[in-house]
């Protein structure tokens, strides 16, 4: 509804992310057929705010409910990558990827080989994945 949309926009603009999260979660539970859209919008809200760690849970919900949602796989790969760690081994710094990182990028490429989101091939290559 328009009121829901206005309430969420107000909460996001005022950096009241927990309130926005609650509203998206409520909408997803009240409208299961549109739940992937609500979860994705919540994830993008966190992502755009630079809170990639908080975006992971909603993105996992999206791919659980809609495994063919290419952009959710891409952004989940990016968010998981952001939580990966590096370690020094033999004098070299190596990435220890968070489980699922590569798989979500690969799924994105399989679903959207000509995707309009940042090209995962470039991301994978640039980061030595």
C-alpha atoms as a PDB file:
ATOM      1  CA  UNK A   1       0.000   0.000   0.000  1.00  0.00           C
ATOM      2  CA  UNK A   2       1.007   3.611  -0.400  1.00  0.00           C
ATOM      3  CA  UNK A   3       1.047   4.136   3.379  1.00  0.00           C
ATOM      4  CA  UNK A   4       3.419   1.182   3.788  1.00  0.00           C
ATOM      5  CA  UNK A   5       5.741   2.555   1.110  1.00  0.00           C
ATOM      6  CA  UNK A   6       5.706   6.042   2.648  1.00  0.00           C
ATOM      7  CA  UNK A   7       6.364   4.640   6.147  1.00  0.00           C
ATOM      8  CA  UNK A   8       9.333   2.599   4.930  1.00  0.00           C
ATOM      9  CA  UNK A   9      10.781   5.515   2.970  1.00  0.00           C
ATOM     10  CA  UNK A  10      10.409   7.757   6.029  1.00  0.00           C
ATOM     11  CA  UNK A  11      12.120   5.167   8.258  1.00  0.00           C
ATOM     12  CA  UNK A  12      15.012   4.748   5.815  1.00  0.00           C
ATOM     13  CA  UNK A  13      15.523   8.483   5.330  1.00  0.00           C
ATOM     14  CA  UNK A  14      15.640   8.920   9.085  1.00  0.00           C
ATOM     15  CA  UNK A  15      18.108   6.047   9.449  1.00  0.00           C
ATOM     16  CA  UNK A  16      15.617   4.010  11.443  1.00  0.00           C
ATOM     17  CA  UNK A  17      16.714   0.756   9.866  1.00  0.00           C
ATOM     18  CA  UNK A  18      15.243  -1.562  12.482  1.00  0.00           C
ATOM     19  CA  UNK A  19      11.855   0.037  11.920  1.00  0.00           C
ATOM     20  CA  UNK A  20      12.241  -0.388   8.151  1.00  0.00           C
ATOM     21  CA  UNK A  21      13.314  -4.013   8.675  1.00  0.00           C
ATOM     22  CA  UNK A  22      10.233  -4.699  10.809  1.00  0.00           C
ATOM     23  CA  UNK A  23       7.962  -3.186   8.177  1.00  0.00           C
ATOM     24  CA  UNK A  24       9.535  -5.221   5.344  1.00  0.00           C
ATOM     25  CA  UNK A  25       9.319  -8.411   7.427  1.00  0.00           C
ATOM     26  CA  UNK A  26       5.660  -7.737   8.227  1.00  0.00           C
ATOM     27  CA  UNK A  27       4.887  -7.098   4.559  1.00  0.00           C
ATOM     28  CA  UNK A  28       6.666 -10.321   3.551  1.00  0.00           C
ATOM     29  CA  UNK A  29       4.637 -12.348   6.040  1.00  0.00           C
ATOM     30  CA  UNK A  30       1.340 -10.739   4.981  1.00  0.00           C
ATOM     31  CA  UNK A  31       2.007 -11.189   1.267  1.00  0.00           C
ATOM     32  CA  UNK A  32       3.987 -14.431   0.770  1.00  0.00           C
ATOM     33  CA  UNK A  33       3.713 -14.269  -3.023  1.00  0.00           C
ATOM     34  CA  UNK A  34       5.564 -10.961  -2.987  1.00  0.00           C
ATOM     35  CA  UNK A  35       7.930 -11.821  -0.128  1.00  0.00           C
ATOM     36  CA  UNK A  36      11.032 -12.082  -2.363  1.00  0.00           C
ATOM     37  CA  UNK A  37      10.444  -8.482  -3.493  1.00  0.00           C
ATOM     38  CA  UNK A  38      10.156  -7.216   0.081  1.00  0.00           C
ATOM     39  CA  UNK A  39      13.234  -9.157   1.234  1.00  0.00           C
ATOM     40  CA  UNK A  40      15.208  -7.924  -1.773  1.00  0.00           C
ATOM     41  CA  UNK A  41      14.200  -4.310  -1.127  1.00  0.00           C
ATOM     42  CA  UNK A  42      15.256  -4.650   2.502  1.00  0.00           C
ATOM     43  CA  UNK A  43      18.613  -6.104   1.435  1.00  0.00           C
ATOM     44  CA  UNK A  44      19.180  -3.313  -1.095  1.00  0.00           C
ATOM     45  CA  UNK A  45      18.345  -0.774   1.596  1.00  0.00           C
ATOM     46  CA  UNK A  46      21.074  -2.187   3.831  1.00  0.00           C
ATOM     47  CA  UNK A  47      23.486  -2.580   0.904  1.00  0.00           C
ATOM     48  CA  UNK A  48      23.003   1.012  -0.252  1.00  0.00           C
ATOM     49  CA  UNK A  49      23.565   2.157   3.324  1.00  0.00           C
ATOM     50  CA  UNK A  50      26.891   0.320   3.377  1.00  0.00           C
ATOM     51  CA  UNK A  51      25.691  -2.347   5.822  1.00  0.00           C
ATOM     52  CA  UNK A  52      26.507  -5.405   3.744  1.00  0.00           C
ATOM     53  CA  UNK A  53      26.544  -7.741   6.720  1.00  0.00           C
ATOM     54  CA  UNK A  54      22.893  -6.909   7.502  1.00  0.00           C
ATOM     55  CA  UNK A  55      21.965  -7.429   3.829  1.00  0.00           C
ATOM     56  CA  UNK A  56      23.078 -11.078   3.892  1.00  0.00           C
ATOM     57  CA  UNK A  57      20.058 -12.492   5.788  1.00  0.00           C
ATOM     58  CA  UNK A  58      17.431 -10.857   3.572  1.00  0.00           C
ATOM     59  CA  UNK A  59      19.336 -11.885   0.420  1.00  0.00           C
ATOM     60  CA  UNK A  60      19.485 -15.477   1.657  1.00  0.00           C
ATOM     61  CA  UNK A  61      15.689 -15.319   2.073  1.00  0.00           C
ATOM     62  CA  UNK A  62      15.313 -14.082  -1.506  1.00  0.00           C
ATOM     63  CA  UNK A  63      17.360 -16.914  -3.037  1.00  0.00           C
ATOM     64  CA  UNK A  64      15.588 -19.441  -0.813  1.00  0.00           C
ATOM     65  CA  UNK A  65      12.170 -18.242  -2.015  1.00  0.00           C
ATOM     66  CA  UNK A  66      13.210 -17.405  -5.587  1.00  0.00           C
ATOM     67  CA  UNK A  67      16.369 -19.321  -6.615  1.00  0.00           C
ATOM     68  CA  UNK A  68      16.210 -17.700 -10.062  1.00  0.00           C
ATOM     69  CA  UNK A  69      16.612 -14.139  -8.743  1.00  0.00           C
ATOM     70  CA  UNK A  70      19.912 -13.332 -10.459  1.00  0.00           C
ATOM     71  CA  UNK A  71      20.567  -9.965  -8.826  1.00  0.00           C
ATOM     72  CA  UNK A  72      20.038 -11.422  -5.357  1.00  0.00           C
ATOM     73  CA  UNK A  73      22.774 -13.967  -6.094  1.00  0.00           C
ATOM     74  CA  UNK A  74      25.109 -11.215  -7.293  1.00  0.00           C
ATOM     75  CA  UNK A  75      24.590  -8.981  -4.276  1.00  0.00           C
ATOM     76  CA  UNK A  76      24.801 -11.950  -1.919  1.00  0.00           C
ATOM     77  CA  UNK A  77      28.180 -12.779  -3.471  1.00  0.00           C
ATOM     78  CA  UNK A  78      29.342  -9.186  -2.939  1.00  0.00           C
ATOM     79  CA  UNK A  79      28.080  -9.105   0.655  1.00  0.00           C
ATOM     80  CA  UNK A  80      29.627 -12.461   1.500  1.00  0.00           C
ATOM     81  CA  UNK A  81      32.901 -11.332  -0.077  1.00  0.00           C
ATOM     82  CA  UNK A  82      32.836  -8.250   2.148  1.00  0.00           C
ATOM     83  CA  UNK A  83      32.794 -10.530   5.213  1.00  0.00           C
ATOM     84  CA  UNK A  84      35.698 -12.670   3.965  1.00  0.00           C
ATOM     85  CA  UNK A  85      38.982 -12.514   5.792  1.00  0.00           C
ATOM     86  CA  UNK A  86      42.577 -12.430   4.695  1.00  0.00           C
ATOM     87  CA  UNK A  87      45.467 -14.346   6.158  1.00  0.00           C
ATOM     88  CA  UNK A  88      49.190 -14.381   5.623  1.00  0.00           C
ATOM     89  CA  UNK A  89      50.490 -17.697   4.408  1.00  0.00           C
ATOM     90  CA  UNK A  90      54.044 -18.212   3.214  1.00  0.00           C
ATOM     91  CA  UNK A  91      54.613 -14.480   3.099  1.00  0.00           C
ATOM     92  CA  UNK A  92      51.569 -13.949   0.853  1.00  0.00           C
ATOM     93  CA  UNK A  93      48.201 -12.507   1.756  1.00  0.00           C
ATOM     94  CA  UNK A  94      45.386 -14.893   0.807  1.00  0.00           C
ATOM     95  CA  UNK A  95      41.631 -14.426   0.966  1.00  0.00           C
ATOM     96  CA  UNK A  96      39.622 -16.859   3.048  1.00  0.00           C
ATOM     97  CA  UNK A  97      36.250 -16.571   1.366  1.00  0.00           C
ATOM     98  CA  UNK A  98      33.061 -16.751   3.342  1.00  0.00           C
ATOM     99  CA  UNK A  99      31.321 -19.976   2.262  1.00  0.00           C
ATOM    100  CA  UNK A 100      28.984 -19.431  -0.679  1.00  0.00           C
ATOM    101  CA  UNK A 101      30.758 -16.397  -2.131  1.00  0.00           C
ATOM    102  CA  UNK A 102      31.994 -18.021  -5.343  1.00  0.00           C
ATOM    103  CA  UNK A 103      28.821 -20.098  -5.745  1.00  0.00           C
ATOM    104  CA  UNK A 104      26.565 -17.045  -5.686  1.00  0.00           C
ATOM    105  CA  UNK A 105      28.693 -15.235  -8.282  1.00  0.00           C
ATOM    106  CA  UNK A 106      28.672 -18.352 -10.470  1.00  0.00           C
ATOM    107  CA  UNK A 107      24.900 -18.729 -10.088  1.00  0.00           C
ATOM    108  CA  UNK A 108      24.472 -15.095 -11.068  1.00  0.00           C
ATOM    109  CA  UNK A 109      26.549 -15.671 -14.207  1.00  0.00           C
ATOM    110  CA  UNK A 110      24.528 -18.786 -15.077  1.00  0.00           C
ATOM    111  CA  UNK A 111      21.223 -16.942 -14.624  1.00  0.00           C
ATOM    112  CA  UNK A 112      22.237 -13.654 -16.251  1.00  0.00           C
ATOM    113  CA  UNK A 113      25.233 -14.168 -18.565  1.00  0.00           C
ATOM    114  CA  UNK A 114      24.562 -10.723 -20.074  1.00  0.00           C
ATOM    115  CA  UNK A 115      23.464  -9.205 -16.757  1.00  0.00           C
ATOM    116  CA  UNK A 116      23.099  -5.499 -16.268  1.00  0.00           C
ATOM    117  CA  UNK A 117      24.443  -5.547 -12.714  1.00  0.00           C
ATOM    118  CA  UNK A 118      28.223  -5.228 -12.380  1.00  0.00           C
ATOM    119  CA  UNK A 119      29.749  -8.090 -14.272  1.00  0.00           C
ATOM    120  CA  UNK A 120      30.570 -10.847 -11.807  1.00  0.00           C
ATOM    121  CA  UNK A 121      33.301 -12.117 -14.145  1.00  0.00           C
ATOM    122  CA  UNK A 122      35.207  -8.884 -13.616  1.00  0.00           C
ATOM    123  CA  UNK A 123      34.626  -9.046  -9.856  1.00  0.00           C
ATOM    124  CA  UNK A 124      35.772 -12.653  -9.679  1.00  0.00           C
ATOM    125  CA  UNK A 125      38.840 -12.000 -11.814  1.00  0.00           C
ATOM    126  CA  UNK A 126      39.829  -8.784 -10.078  1.00  0.00           C
ATOM    127  CA  UNK A 127      39.712 -10.471  -6.710  1.00  0.00           C
ATOM    128  CA  UNK A 128      41.478 -13.668  -7.800  1.00  0.00           C
ATOM    129  CA  UNK A 129      38.514 -15.891  -7.018  1.00  0.00           C
END
